[in-house]
PDB file of all heavy atoms in Angstrom:
ATOM      1  N   ASP A   1     -82.552  67.316-125.064  1.00  0.00           N
ATOM      2  CA  ASP A   1     -81.895  68.373-125.841  1.00  0.00           C
ATOM      3  C   ASP A   1     -81.093  69.314-124.942  1.00  0.00           C
ATOM      4  O   ASP A   1     -80.034  69.815-125.345  1.00  0.00           O
ATOM      5  CB  ASP A   1     -82.934  69.174-126.622  1.00  0.00           C
ATOM      6  CG  ASP A   1     -83.533  68.376-127.768  1.00  0.00           C
ATOM      7  OD1 ASP A   1     -82.923  67.362-128.143  1.00  0.00           O
ATOM      8  OD2 ASP A   1     -84.607  68.760-128.269  1.00  0.00           O
ATOM      9  N   ILE A   2     -81.613  69.547-123.744  1.00  0.00           N
ATOM     10  CA  ILE A   2     -80.893  70.428-122.813  1.00  0.00           C
ATOM     11  C   ILE A   2     -79.603  69.762-122.354  1.00  0.00           C
ATOM     12  O   ILE A   2     -78.517  70.366-122.396  1.00  0.00           O
ATOM     13  CB  ILE A   2     -81.782  70.774-121.602  1.00  0.00           C
ATOM     14  CG1 ILE A   2     -83.045  71.504-122.062  1.00  0.00           C
ATOM     15  CG2 ILE A   2     -81.013  71.615-120.593  1.00  0.00           C
ATOM     16  CD1 ILE A   2     -84.037  71.748-120.937  1.00  0.00           C
ATOM     17  N   LEU A   3     -79.721  68.501-121.916  1.00  0.00           N
ATOM     18  CA  LEU A   3     -78.557  67.798-121.365  1.00  0.00           C
ATOM     19  C   LEU A   3     -77.512  67.520-122.442  1.00  0.00           C
ATOM     20  O   LEU A   3     -76.318  67.395-122.121  1.00  0.00           O
ATOM     21  CB  LEU A   3     -79.005  66.495-120.704  1.00  0.00           C
ATOM     22  CG  LEU A   3     -79.942  66.671-119.495  1.00  0.00           C
ATOM     23  CD1 LEU A   3     -80.399  65.315-118.966  1.00  0.00           C
ATOM     24  CD2 LEU A   3     -79.260  67.464-118.390  1.00  0.00           C
ATOM     25  N   GLU A   4     -77.931  67.409-123.697  1.00  0.00           N
ATOM     26  CA  GLU A   4     -76.974  67.229-124.797  1.00  0.00           C
ATOM     27  C   GLU A   4     -76.414  68.560-125.281  1.00  0.00           C
ATOM     28  O   GLU A   4     -75.700  68.615-126.278  1.00  0.00           O
ATOM     29  CB  GLU A   4     -77.649  66.483-125.947  1.00  0.00           C
ATOM     30  CG  GLU A   4     -77.950  65.016-125.621  1.00  0.00           C
ATOM     31  CD  GLU A   4     -78.623  64.296-126.780  1.00  0.00           C
ATOM     32  OE1 GLU A   4     -79.051  64.988-127.737  1.00  0.00           O
ATOM     33  OE2 GLU A   4     -78.726  63.058-126.742  1.00  0.00           O
ATOM     34  N   ASN A   5     -76.782  69.626-124.584  1.00  0.00           N
ATOM     35  CA  ASN A   5     -76.245  70.972-124.854  1.00  0.00           C
ATOM     36  C   ASN A   5     -76.635  71.471-126.242  1.00  0.00           C
ATOM     37  O   ASN A   5     -75.864  72.140-126.931  1.00  0.00           O
ATOM     38  CB  ASN A   5     -74.716  70.993-124.707  1.00  0.00           C
ATOM     39  CG  ASN A   5     -74.193  72.361-124.300  1.00  0.00           C
ATOM     40  OD1 ASN A   5     -74.930  73.187-123.762  1.00  0.00           O
ATOM     41  ND2 ASN A   5     -72.920  72.626-124.546  1.00  0.00           N
ATOM     42  N   LYS A   6     -77.873  71.186-126.648  1.00  0.00           N
ATOM     43  CA  LYS A   6     -78.354  71.601-127.960  1.00  0.00           C
ATOM     44  C   LYS A   6     -79.316  72.778-127.883  1.00  0.00           C
ATOM     45  O   LYS A   6     -79.356  73.593-128.803  1.00  0.00           O
ATOM     46  CB  LYS A   6     -79.048  70.428-128.667  1.00  0.00           C
ATOM     47  CG  LYS A   6     -78.139  69.262-129.004  1.00  0.00           C
ATOM     48  CD  LYS A   6     -78.923  68.139-129.679  1.00  0.00           C
ATOM     49  CE  LYS A   6     -78.018  66.960-130.036  1.00  0.00           C
ATOM     50  NZ  LYS A   6     -78.801  65.846-130.655  1.00  0.00           N
ATOM     51  N   LEU A   7     -80.101  72.854-126.833  1.00  0.00           N
ATOM     52  CA  LEU A   7     -81.149  73.867-126.765  1.00  0.00           C
ATOM     53  C   LEU A   7     -80.573  75.255-126.494  1.00  0.00           C
ATOM     54  O   LEU A   7     -80.700  76.168-127.310  1.00  0.00           O
ATOM     55  CB  LEU A   7     -82.165  73.494-125.680  1.00  0.00           C
ATOM     56  CG  LEU A   7     -83.390  74.402-125.595  1.00  0.00           C
ATOM     57  CD1 LEU A   7     -84.155  74.383-126.899  1.00  0.00           C
ATOM     58  CD2 LEU A   7     -84.308  73.962-124.433  1.00  0.00           C
ATOM     59  N   LEU A   8     -79.949  75.431-125.366  1.00  0.00           N
ATOM     60  CA  LEU A   8     -79.257  76.685-125.005  1.00  0.00           C
ATOM     61  C   LEU A   8     -77.821  76.328-124.632  1.00  0.00           C
ATOM     62  O   LEU A   8     -77.517  76.115-123.468  1.00  0.00           O
ATOM     63  CB  LEU A   8     -79.972  77.386-123.839  1.00  0.00           C
ATOM     64  CG  LEU A   8     -81.326  78.022-124.146  1.00  0.00           C
ATOM     65  CD1 LEU A   8     -81.955  78.569-122.872  1.00  0.00           C
ATOM     66  CD2 LEU A   8     -81.182  79.136-125.176  1.00  0.00           C
ATOM     67  N   PRO A   9     -76.939  76.220-125.607  1.00  0.00           N
ATOM     68  CA  PRO A   9     -75.591  75.691-125.347  1.00  0.00           C
ATOM     69  C   PRO A   9     -74.804  76.531-124.334  1.00  0.00           C
ATOM     70  O   PRO A   9     -74.863  77.758-124.341  1.00  0.00           O
ATOM     71  CB  PRO A   9     -74.924  75.740-126.731  1.00  0.00           C
ATOM     72  CG  PRO A   9     -76.039  75.823-127.708  1.00  0.00           C
ATOM     73  CD  PRO A   9     -77.131  76.568-127.022  1.00  0.00           C
ATOM     74  N   LEU A  10     -74.098  75.811-123.473  1.00  0.00           N
ATOM     75  CA  LEU A  10     -73.136  76.416-122.558  1.00  0.00           C
ATOM     76  C   LEU A  10     -71.770  75.823-122.854  1.00  0.00           C
ATOM     77  O   LEU A  10     -71.647  74.646-123.207  1.00  0.00           O
ATOM     78  CB  LEU A  10     -73.504  76.146-121.094  1.00  0.00           C
ATOM     79  CG  LEU A  10     -74.723  76.873-120.523  1.00  0.00           C
ATOM     80  CD1 LEU A  10     -74.953  76.443-119.078  1.00  0.00           C
ATOM     81  CD2 LEU A  10     -74.547  78.379-120.586  1.00  0.00           C
ATOM     82  N   ARG A  11     -70.747  76.624-122.701  1.00  0.00           N
ATOM     83  CA  ARG A  11     -69.403  76.137-122.993  1.00  0.00           C
ATOM     84  C   ARG A  11     -69.034  74.949-122.114  1.00  0.00           C
ATOM     85  O   ARG A  11     -68.382  74.001-122.562  1.00  0.00           O
ATOM     86  CB  ARG A  11     -68.395  77.274-122.790  1.00  0.00           C
ATOM     87  CG  ARG A  11     -66.957  76.867-123.063  1.00  0.00           C
ATOM     88  CD  ARG A  11     -66.052  78.070-123.123  1.00  0.00           C
ATOM     89  NE  ARG A  11     -66.440  78.959-124.219  1.00  0.00           N
ATOM     90  CZ  ARG A  11     -65.713  80.008-124.613  1.00  0.00           C
ATOM     91  NH1 ARG A  11     -64.578  80.283-123.997  1.00  0.00           N
ATOM     92  NH2 ARG A  11     -66.118  80.771-125.605  1.00  0.00           N
ATOM     93  N   ARG A  12     -69.470  74.967-120.871  1.00  0.00           N
ATOM     94  CA  ARG A  12     -69.160  73.861-119.947  1.00  0.00           C
ATOM     95  C   ARG A  12     -70.297  72.839-119.859  1.00  0.00           C
ATOM     96  O   ARG A  12     -70.201  71.874-119.107  1.00  0.00           O
ATOM     97  CB  ARG A  12     -68.851  74.416-118.553  1.00  0.00           C
ATOM     98  CG  ARG A  12     -67.619  75.325-118.528  1.00  0.00           C
ATOM     99  CD  ARG A  12     -67.354  75.830-117.121  1.00  0.00           C
ATOM    100  NE  ARG A  12     -66.248  76.783-117.074  1.00  0.00           N
ATOM    101  CZ  ARG A  12     -64.970  76.466-116.894  1.00  0.00           C
ATOM    102  NH1 ARG A  12     -64.645  75.198-116.747  1.00  0.00           N
ATOM    103  NH2 ARG A  12     -64.038  77.398-116.859  1.00  0.00           N
ATOM    104  N   GLY A  13     -71.374  73.043-120.596  1.00  0.00           N
ATOM    105  CA  GLY A  13     -72.437  72.055-120.678  1.00  0.00           C
ATOM    106  C   GLY A  13     -73.345  72.011-119.465  1.00  0.00           C
ATOM    107  O   GLY A  13     -73.255  72.836-118.548  1.00  0.00           O
ATOM    108  N   TYR A  14     -74.246  71.004-119.477  1.00  0.00           N
ATOM    109  CA  TYR A  14     -75.229  70.798-118.415  1.00  0.00           C
ATOM    110  C   TYR A  14     -75.035  69.432-117.768  1.00  0.00           C
ATOM    111  O   TYR A  14     -74.612  68.471-118.422  1.00  0.00           O
ATOM    112  CB  TYR A  14     -76.657  70.874-118.966  1.00  0.00           C
ATOM    113  CG  TYR A  14     -77.042  72.225-119.515  1.00  0.00           C
ATOM    114  CD1 TYR A  14     -76.761  72.551-120.845  1.00  0.00           C
ATOM    115  CD2 TYR A  14     -77.685  73.162-118.726  1.00  0.00           C
ATOM    116  CE1 TYR A  14     -77.128  73.780-121.371  1.00  0.00           C
ATOM    117  CE2 TYR A  14     -78.047  74.402-119.243  1.00  0.00           C
ATOM    118  CZ  TYR A  14     -77.769  74.698-120.556  1.00  0.00           C
ATOM    119  OH  TYR A  14     -78.122  75.922-121.064  1.00  0.00           O
ATOM    120  N   ILE A  15     -75.386  69.359-116.503  1.00  0.00           N
ATOM    121  CA  ILE A  15     -75.357  68.090-115.766  1.00  0.00           C
ATOM    122  C   ILE A  15     -76.707  67.928-115.081  1.00  0.00           C
ATOM    123  O   ILE A  15     -77.179  68.850-114.397  1.00  0.00           O
ATOM    124  CB  ILE A  15     -74.226  68.067-114.722  1.00  0.00           C
ATOM    125  CG1 ILE A  15     -72.875  68.226-115.410  1.00  0.00           C
ATOM    126  CG2 ILE A  15     -74.273  66.774-113.909  1.00  0.00           C
ATOM    127  CD1 ILE A  15     -71.708  68.338-114.452  1.00  0.00           C
ATOM    128  N   GLY A  16     -77.330  66.781-115.285  1.00  0.00           N
ATOM    129  CA  GLY A  16     -78.617  66.517-114.658  1.00  0.00           C
ATOM    130  C   GLY A  16     -78.467  65.809-113.326  1.00  0.00           C
ATOM    131  O   GLY A  16     -77.593  64.940-113.171  1.00  0.00           O
ATOM    132  N   VAL A  17     -79.303  66.156-112.350  1.00  0.00           N
ATOM    133  CA  VAL A  17     -79.290  65.525-111.031  1.00  0.00           C
ATOM    134  C   VAL A  17     -80.722  65.255-110.604  1.00  0.00           C
ATOM    135  O   VAL A  17     -81.664  65.921-111.055  1.00  0.00           O
ATOM    136  CB  VAL A  17     -78.582  66.401-109.977  1.00  0.00           C
ATOM    137  CG1 VAL A  17     -77.120  66.607-110.328  1.00  0.00           C
ATOM    138  CG2 VAL A  17     -79.279  67.741-109.814  1.00  0.00           C
ATOM    139  N   VAL A  18     -80.878  64.278-109.735  1.00  0.00           N
ATOM    140  CA  VAL A  18     -82.179  63.964-109.130  1.00  0.00           C
ATOM    141  C   VAL A  18     -81.999  64.014-107.624  1.00  0.00           C
ATOM    142  O   VAL A  18     -81.333  63.155-107.036  1.00  0.00           O
ATOM    143  CB  VAL A  18     -82.693  62.574-109.580  1.00  0.00           C
ATOM    144  CG1 VAL A  18     -84.008  62.256-108.871  1.00  0.00           C
ATOM    145  CG2 VAL A  18     -82.869  62.541-111.089  1.00  0.00           C
ATOM    146  N   ASN A  19     -82.564  65.022-106.994  1.00  0.00           N
ATOM    147  CA  ASN A  19     -82.417  65.202-105.549  1.00  0.00           C
ATOM    148  C   ASN A  19     -83.520  64.469-104.800  1.00  0.00           C
ATOM    149  O   ASN A  19     -84.518  64.014-105.388  1.00  0.00           O
ATOM    150  CB  ASN A  19     -82.464  66.694-105.198  1.00  0.00           C
ATOM    151  CG  ASN A  19     -81.293  67.451-105.806  1.00  0.00           C
ATOM    152  OD1 ASN A  19     -80.202  66.920-105.916  1.00  0.00           O
ATOM    153  ND2 ASN A  19     -81.537  68.693-106.207  1.00  0.00           N
ATOM    154  N   ARG A  20     -83.344  64.409-103.513  1.00  0.00           N
ATOM    155  CA  ARG A  20     -84.381  63.835-102.665  1.00  0.00           C
ATOM    156  C   ARG A  20     -85.610  64.740-102.659  1.00  0.00           C
ATOM    157  O   ARG A  20     -85.496  65.954-102.691  1.00  0.00           O
ATOM    158  CB  ARG A  20     -83.888  63.658-101.234  1.00  0.00           C
ATOM    159  CG  ARG A  20     -82.792  62.620-101.065  1.00  0.00           C
ATOM    160  CD  ARG A  20     -82.351  62.531 -99.619  1.00  0.00           C
ATOM    161  NE  ARG A  20     -81.784  63.809 -99.159  1.00  0.00           N
ATOM    162  CZ  ARG A  20     -81.530  64.080 -97.884  1.00  0.00           C
ATOM    163  NH1 ARG A  20     -81.808  63.183 -96.952  1.00  0.00           N
ATOM    164  NH2 ARG A  20     -81.011  65.236 -97.550  1.00  0.00           N
ATOM    165  N   SER A  21     -86.761  64.138-102.633  1.00  0.00           N
ATOM    166  CA  SER A  21     -87.996  64.899-102.514  1.00  0.00           C
ATOM    167  C   SER A  21     -88.189  65.319-101.058  1.00  0.00           C
ATOM    168  O   SER A  21     -87.495  64.842-100.147  1.00  0.00           O
ATOM    169  CB  SER A  21     -89.184  64.071-102.980  1.00  0.00           C
ATOM    170  OG  SER A  21     -89.378  62.960-102.109  1.00  0.00           O
ATOM    171  N   GLN A  22     -89.156  66.201-100.835  1.00  0.00           N
ATOM    172  CA  GLN A  22     -89.426  66.632 -99.459  1.00  0.00           C
ATOM    173  C   GLN A  22     -89.921  65.455 -98.627  1.00  0.00           C
ATOM    174  O   GLN A  22     -89.623  65.356 -97.429  1.00  0.00           O
ATOM    175  CB  GLN A  22     -90.466  67.762 -99.466  1.00  0.00           C
ATOM    176  CG  GLN A  22     -90.658  68.441 -98.113  1.00  0.00           C
ATOM    177  CD  GLN A  22     -89.377  69.081 -97.596  1.00  0.00           C
ATOM    178  OE1 GLN A  22     -88.666  69.731 -98.348  1.00  0.00           O
ATOM    179  NE2 GLN A  22     -89.077  68.869 -96.326  1.00  0.00           N
ATOM    180  N   ALA A  23     -90.657  64.574 -99.286  1.00  0.00           N
ATOM    181  CA  ALA A  23     -91.123  63.381 -98.566  1.00  0.00           C
ATOM    182  C   ALA A  23     -89.940  62.504 -98.154  1.00  0.00           C
ATOM    183  O   ALA A  23     -89.943  61.926 -97.054  1.00  0.00           O
ATOM    184  CB  ALA A  23     -92.100  62.595 -99.441  1.00  0.00           C
ATOM    185  N   ASP A  24     -88.929  62.384 -99.015  1.00  0.00           N
ATOM    186  CA  ASP A  24     -87.729  61.602 -98.667  1.00  0.00           C
ATOM    187  C   ASP A  24     -86.999  62.237 -97.480  1.00  0.00           C
ATOM    188  O   ASP A  24     -86.505  61.525 -96.597  1.00  0.00           O
ATOM    189  CB  ASP A  24     -86.793  61.529 -99.864  1.00  0.00           C
ATOM    190  CG  ASP A  24     -87.383  60.720-101.012  1.00  0.00           C
ATOM    191  OD1 ASP A  24     -88.235  59.858-100.737  1.00  0.00           O
ATOM    192  OD2 ASP A  24     -86.982  60.960-102.174  1.00  0.00           O
ATOM    193  N   ILE A  25     -86.933  63.576 -97.484  1.00  0.00           N
ATOM    194  CA  ILE A  25     -86.244  64.259 -96.378  1.00  0.00           C
ATOM    195  C   ILE A  25     -87.014  64.082 -95.091  1.00  0.00           C
ATOM    196  O   ILE A  25     -86.431  63.781 -94.027  1.00  0.00           O
ATOM    197  CB  ILE A  25     -86.085  65.759 -96.717  1.00  0.00           C
ATOM    198  CG1 ILE A  25     -85.184  65.927 -97.942  1.00  0.00           C
ATOM    199  CG2 ILE A  25     -85.512  66.525 -95.533  1.00  0.00           C
ATOM    200  CD1 ILE A  25     -85.089  67.345 -98.440  1.00  0.00           C
ATOM    201  N   ASP A  26     -88.340  64.251 -95.163  1.00  0.00           N
ATOM    202  CA  ASP A  26     -89.154  64.061 -93.957  1.00  0.00           C
ATOM    203  C   ASP A  26     -89.073  62.617 -93.460  1.00  0.00           C
ATOM    204  O   ASP A  26     -89.150  62.365 -92.250  1.00  0.00           O
ATOM    205  CB  ASP A  26     -90.611  64.441 -94.244  1.00  0.00           C
ATOM    206  CG  ASP A  26     -90.765  65.931 -94.578  1.00  0.00           C
ATOM    207  OD1 ASP A  26     -89.855  66.709 -94.187  1.00  0.00           O
ATOM    208  OD2 ASP A  26     -91.766  66.296 -95.233  1.00  0.00           O
ATOM    209  N   GLY A  27     -88.924  61.681 -94.401  1.00  0.00           N
ATOM    210  CA  GLY A  27     -88.827  60.272 -94.013  1.00  0.00           C
ATOM    211  C   GLY A  27     -87.423  59.840 -93.667  1.00  0.00           C
ATOM    212  O   GLY A  27     -87.165  58.632 -93.525  1.00  0.00           O
ATOM    213  N   LYS A  28     -86.476  60.813 -93.592  1.00  0.00           N
ATOM    214  CA  LYS A  28     -85.085  60.523 -93.203  1.00  0.00           C
ATOM    215  C   LYS A  28     -84.422  59.541 -94.168  1.00  0.00           C
ATOM    216  O   LYS A  28     -83.661  58.651 -93.764  1.00  0.00           O
ATOM    217  CB  LYS A  28     -85.017  59.964 -91.772  1.00  0.00           C
ATOM    218  CG  LYS A  28     -85.701  60.804 -90.719  1.00  0.00           C
ATOM    219  CD  LYS A  28     -85.019  62.153 -90.535  1.00  0.00           C
ATOM    220  CE  LYS A  28     -85.681  62.961 -89.418  1.00  0.00           C
ATOM    221  NZ  LYS A  28     -85.066  64.298 -89.234  1.00  0.00           N
ATOM    222  N   LYS A  29     -84.684  59.695 -95.444  1.00  0.00           N
ATOM    223  CA  LYS A  29     -84.077  58.798 -96.418  1.00  0.00           C
ATOM    224  C   LYS A  29     -82.579  59.043 -96.465  1.00  0.00           C
ATOM    225  O   LYS A  29     -82.113  60.176 -96.556  1.00  0.00           O
ATOM    226  CB  LYS A  29     -84.690  59.031 -97.798  1.00  0.00           C
ATOM    227  CG  LYS A  29     -84.179  58.067 -98.860  1.00  0.00           C
ATOM    228  CD  LYS A  29     -84.892  58.260-100.177  1.00  0.00           C
ATOM    229  CE  LYS A  29     -84.424  57.266-101.228  1.00  0.00           C
ATOM    230  NZ  LYS A  29     -85.138  57.432-102.514  1.00  0.00           N
ATOM    231  N   ASP A  30     -81.808  57.984 -96.413  1.00  0.00           N
ATOM    232  CA  ASP A  30     -80.356  58.058 -96.385  1.00  0.00           C
ATOM    233  C   ASP A  30     -79.839  58.637 -97.713  1.00  0.00           C
ATOM    234  O   ASP A  30     -80.359  58.349 -98.798  1.00  0.00           O
ATOM    235  CB  ASP A  30     -79.765  56.668 -96.156  1.00  0.00           C
ATOM    236  CG  ASP A  30     -78.251  56.721 -96.091  1.00  0.00           C
ATOM    237  OD1 ASP A  30     -77.722  57.268 -95.104  1.00  0.00           O
ATOM    238  OD2 ASP A  30     -77.614  56.261 -97.044  1.00  0.00           O
ATOM    239  N   ILE A  31     -78.775  59.460 -97.630  1.00  0.00           N
ATOM    240  CA  ILE A  31     -78.238  60.097 -98.823  1.00  0.00           C
ATOM    241  C   ILE A  31     -77.655  59.060 -99.774  1.00  0.00           C
ATOM    242  O   ILE A  31     -77.792  59.160-100.999  1.00  0.00           O
ATOM    243  CB  ILE A  31     -77.176  61.143 -98.443  1.00  0.00           C
ATOM    244  CG1 ILE A  31     -77.829  62.280 -97.648  1.00  0.00           C
ATOM    245  CG2 ILE A  31     -76.486  61.700 -99.673  1.00  0.00           C
ATOM    246  CD1 ILE A  31     -76.867  63.351 -97.216  1.00  0.00           C
ATOM    247  N   HIS A  32     -76.993  58.044 -99.220  1.00  0.00           N
ATOM    248  CA  HIS A  32     -76.436  56.996-100.072  1.00  0.00           C
ATOM    249  C   HIS A  32     -77.546  56.286-100.844  1.00  0.00           C
ATOM    250  O   HIS A  32     -77.390  55.977-102.030  1.00  0.00           O
ATOM    251  CB  HIS A  32     -75.650  55.992 -99.233  1.00  0.00           C
ATOM    252  CG  HIS A  32     -74.383  56.556 -98.662  1.00  0.00           C
ATOM    253  ND1 HIS A  32     -73.278  56.808 -99.435  1.00  0.00           N
ATOM    254  CD2 HIS A  32     -74.061  56.911 -97.392  1.00  0.00           C
ATOM    255  CE1 HIS A  32     -72.309  57.295 -98.671  1.00  0.00           C
ATOM    256  NE2 HIS A  32     -72.762  57.363 -97.422  1.00  0.00           N
ATOM    257  N   ALA A  33     -78.674  56.042-100.178  1.00  0.00           N
ATOM    258  CA  ALA A  33     -79.807  55.412-100.859  1.00  0.00           C
ATOM    259  C   ALA A  33     -80.364  56.344-101.935  1.00  0.00           C
ATOM    260  O   ALA A  33     -80.757  55.898-103.024  1.00  0.00           O
ATOM    261  CB  ALA A  33     -80.897  55.064 -99.841  1.00  0.00           C
ATOM    262  N   ALA A  34     -80.378  57.658-101.644  1.00  0.00           N
ATOM    263  CA  ALA A  34     -80.868  58.621-102.630  1.00  0.00           C
ATOM    264  C   ALA A  34     -79.960  58.653-103.847  1.00  0.00           C
ATOM    265  O   ALA A  34     -80.432  58.735-104.994  1.00  0.00           O
ATOM    266  CB  ALA A  34     -80.962  60.004-101.990  1.00  0.00           C
ATOM    267  N   MET A  35     -78.642  58.571-103.650  1.00  0.00           N
ATOM    268  CA  MET A  35     -77.710  58.590-104.770  1.00  0.00           C
ATOM    269  C   MET A  35     -77.825  57.305-105.589  1.00  0.00           C
ATOM    270  O   MET A  35     -77.691  57.317-106.821  1.00  0.00           O
ATOM    271  CB  MET A  35     -76.289  58.787-104.259  1.00  0.00           C
ATOM    272  CG  MET A  35     -76.076  60.159-103.629  1.00  0.00           C
ATOM    273  SD  MET A  35     -74.456  60.364-102.880  1.00  0.00           S
ATOM    274  CE  MET A  35     -73.405  60.259-104.319  1.00  0.00           C
ATOM    275  N   ALA A  36     -78.086  56.175-104.912  1.00  0.00           N
ATOM    276  CA  ALA A  36     -78.293  54.914-105.635  1.00  0.00           C
ATOM    277  C   ALA A  36     -79.557  54.994-106.489  1.00  0.00           C
ATOM    278  O   ALA A  36     -79.586  54.530-107.639  1.00  0.00           O
ATOM    279  CB  ALA A  36     -78.374  53.753-104.645  1.00  0.00           C
ATOM    280  N   ALA A  37     -80.621  55.588-105.933  1.00  0.00           N
ATOM    281  CA  ALA A  37     -81.861  55.737-106.694  1.00  0.00           C
ATOM    282  C   ALA A  37     -81.653  56.684-107.877  1.00  0.00           C
ATOM    283  O   ALA A  37     -82.225  56.479-108.963  1.00  0.00           O
ATOM    284  CB  ALA A  37     -82.966  56.264-105.775  1.00  0.00           C
ATOM    285  N   GLU A  38     -80.834  57.700-107.701  1.00  0.00           N
ATOM    286  CA  GLU A  38     -80.538  58.639-108.787  1.00  0.00           C
ATOM    287  C   GLU A  38     -79.820  57.910-109.923  1.00  0.00           C
ATOM    288  O   GLU A  38     -80.165  58.079-111.101  1.00  0.00           O
ATOM    289  CB  GLU A  38     -79.682  59.783-108.250  1.00  0.00           C
ATOM    290  CG  GLU A  38     -79.255  60.799-109.303  1.00  0.00           C
ATOM    291  CD  GLU A  38     -78.249  61.815-108.752  1.00  0.00           C
ATOM    292  OE1 GLU A  38     -77.274  61.370-108.095  1.00  0.00           O
ATOM    293  OE2 GLU A  38     -78.436  63.024-108.982  1.00  0.00           O
ATOM    294  N   LYS A  39     -78.852  57.096-109.575  1.00  0.00           N
ATOM    295  CA  LYS A  39     -78.114  56.355-110.588  1.00  0.00           C
ATOM    296  C   LYS A  39     -79.035  55.405-111.346  1.00  0.00           C
ATOM    297  O   LYS A  39     -78.961  55.286-112.588  1.00  0.00           O
ATOM    298  CB  LYS A  39     -76.978  55.577-109.928  1.00  0.00           C
ATOM    299  CG  LYS A  39     -76.104  54.820-110.908  1.00  0.00           C
ATOM    300  CD  LYS A  39     -74.953  54.124-110.190  1.00  0.00           C
ATOM    301  CE  LYS A  39     -74.065  53.373-111.180  1.00  0.00           C
ATOM    302  NZ  LYS A  39     -72.934  52.689-110.495  1.00  0.00           N
ATOM    303  N   LYS A  40     -79.919  54.733-110.618  1.00  0.00           N
ATOM    304  CA  LYS A  40     -80.861  53.807-111.242  1.00  0.00           C
ATOM    305  C   LYS A  40     -81.787  54.553-112.203  1.00  0.00           C
ATOM    306  O   LYS A  40     -82.137  54.041-113.281  1.00  0.00           O
ATOM    307  CB  LYS A  40     -81.667  53.104-110.156  1.00  0.00           C
ATOM    308  CG  LYS A  40     -82.672  52.095-110.703  1.00  0.00           C
ATOM    309  CD  LYS A  40     -83.424  51.410-109.573  1.00  0.00           C
ATOM    310  CE  LYS A  40     -84.454  50.420-110.119  1.00  0.00           C
ATOM    311  NZ  LYS A  40     -85.217  49.772-109.018  1.00  0.00           N
TER     312      LYS A  40
END
């Protein structure tokens, strides 16, 4: 409901992202791999 801009509507809407976890950062996870996992 949030991402479809129904709950608290914004004129420019919402965009969802999935960032690297702290464990991924500590494990030196590559950013490209993180973006691929986000897309998946």
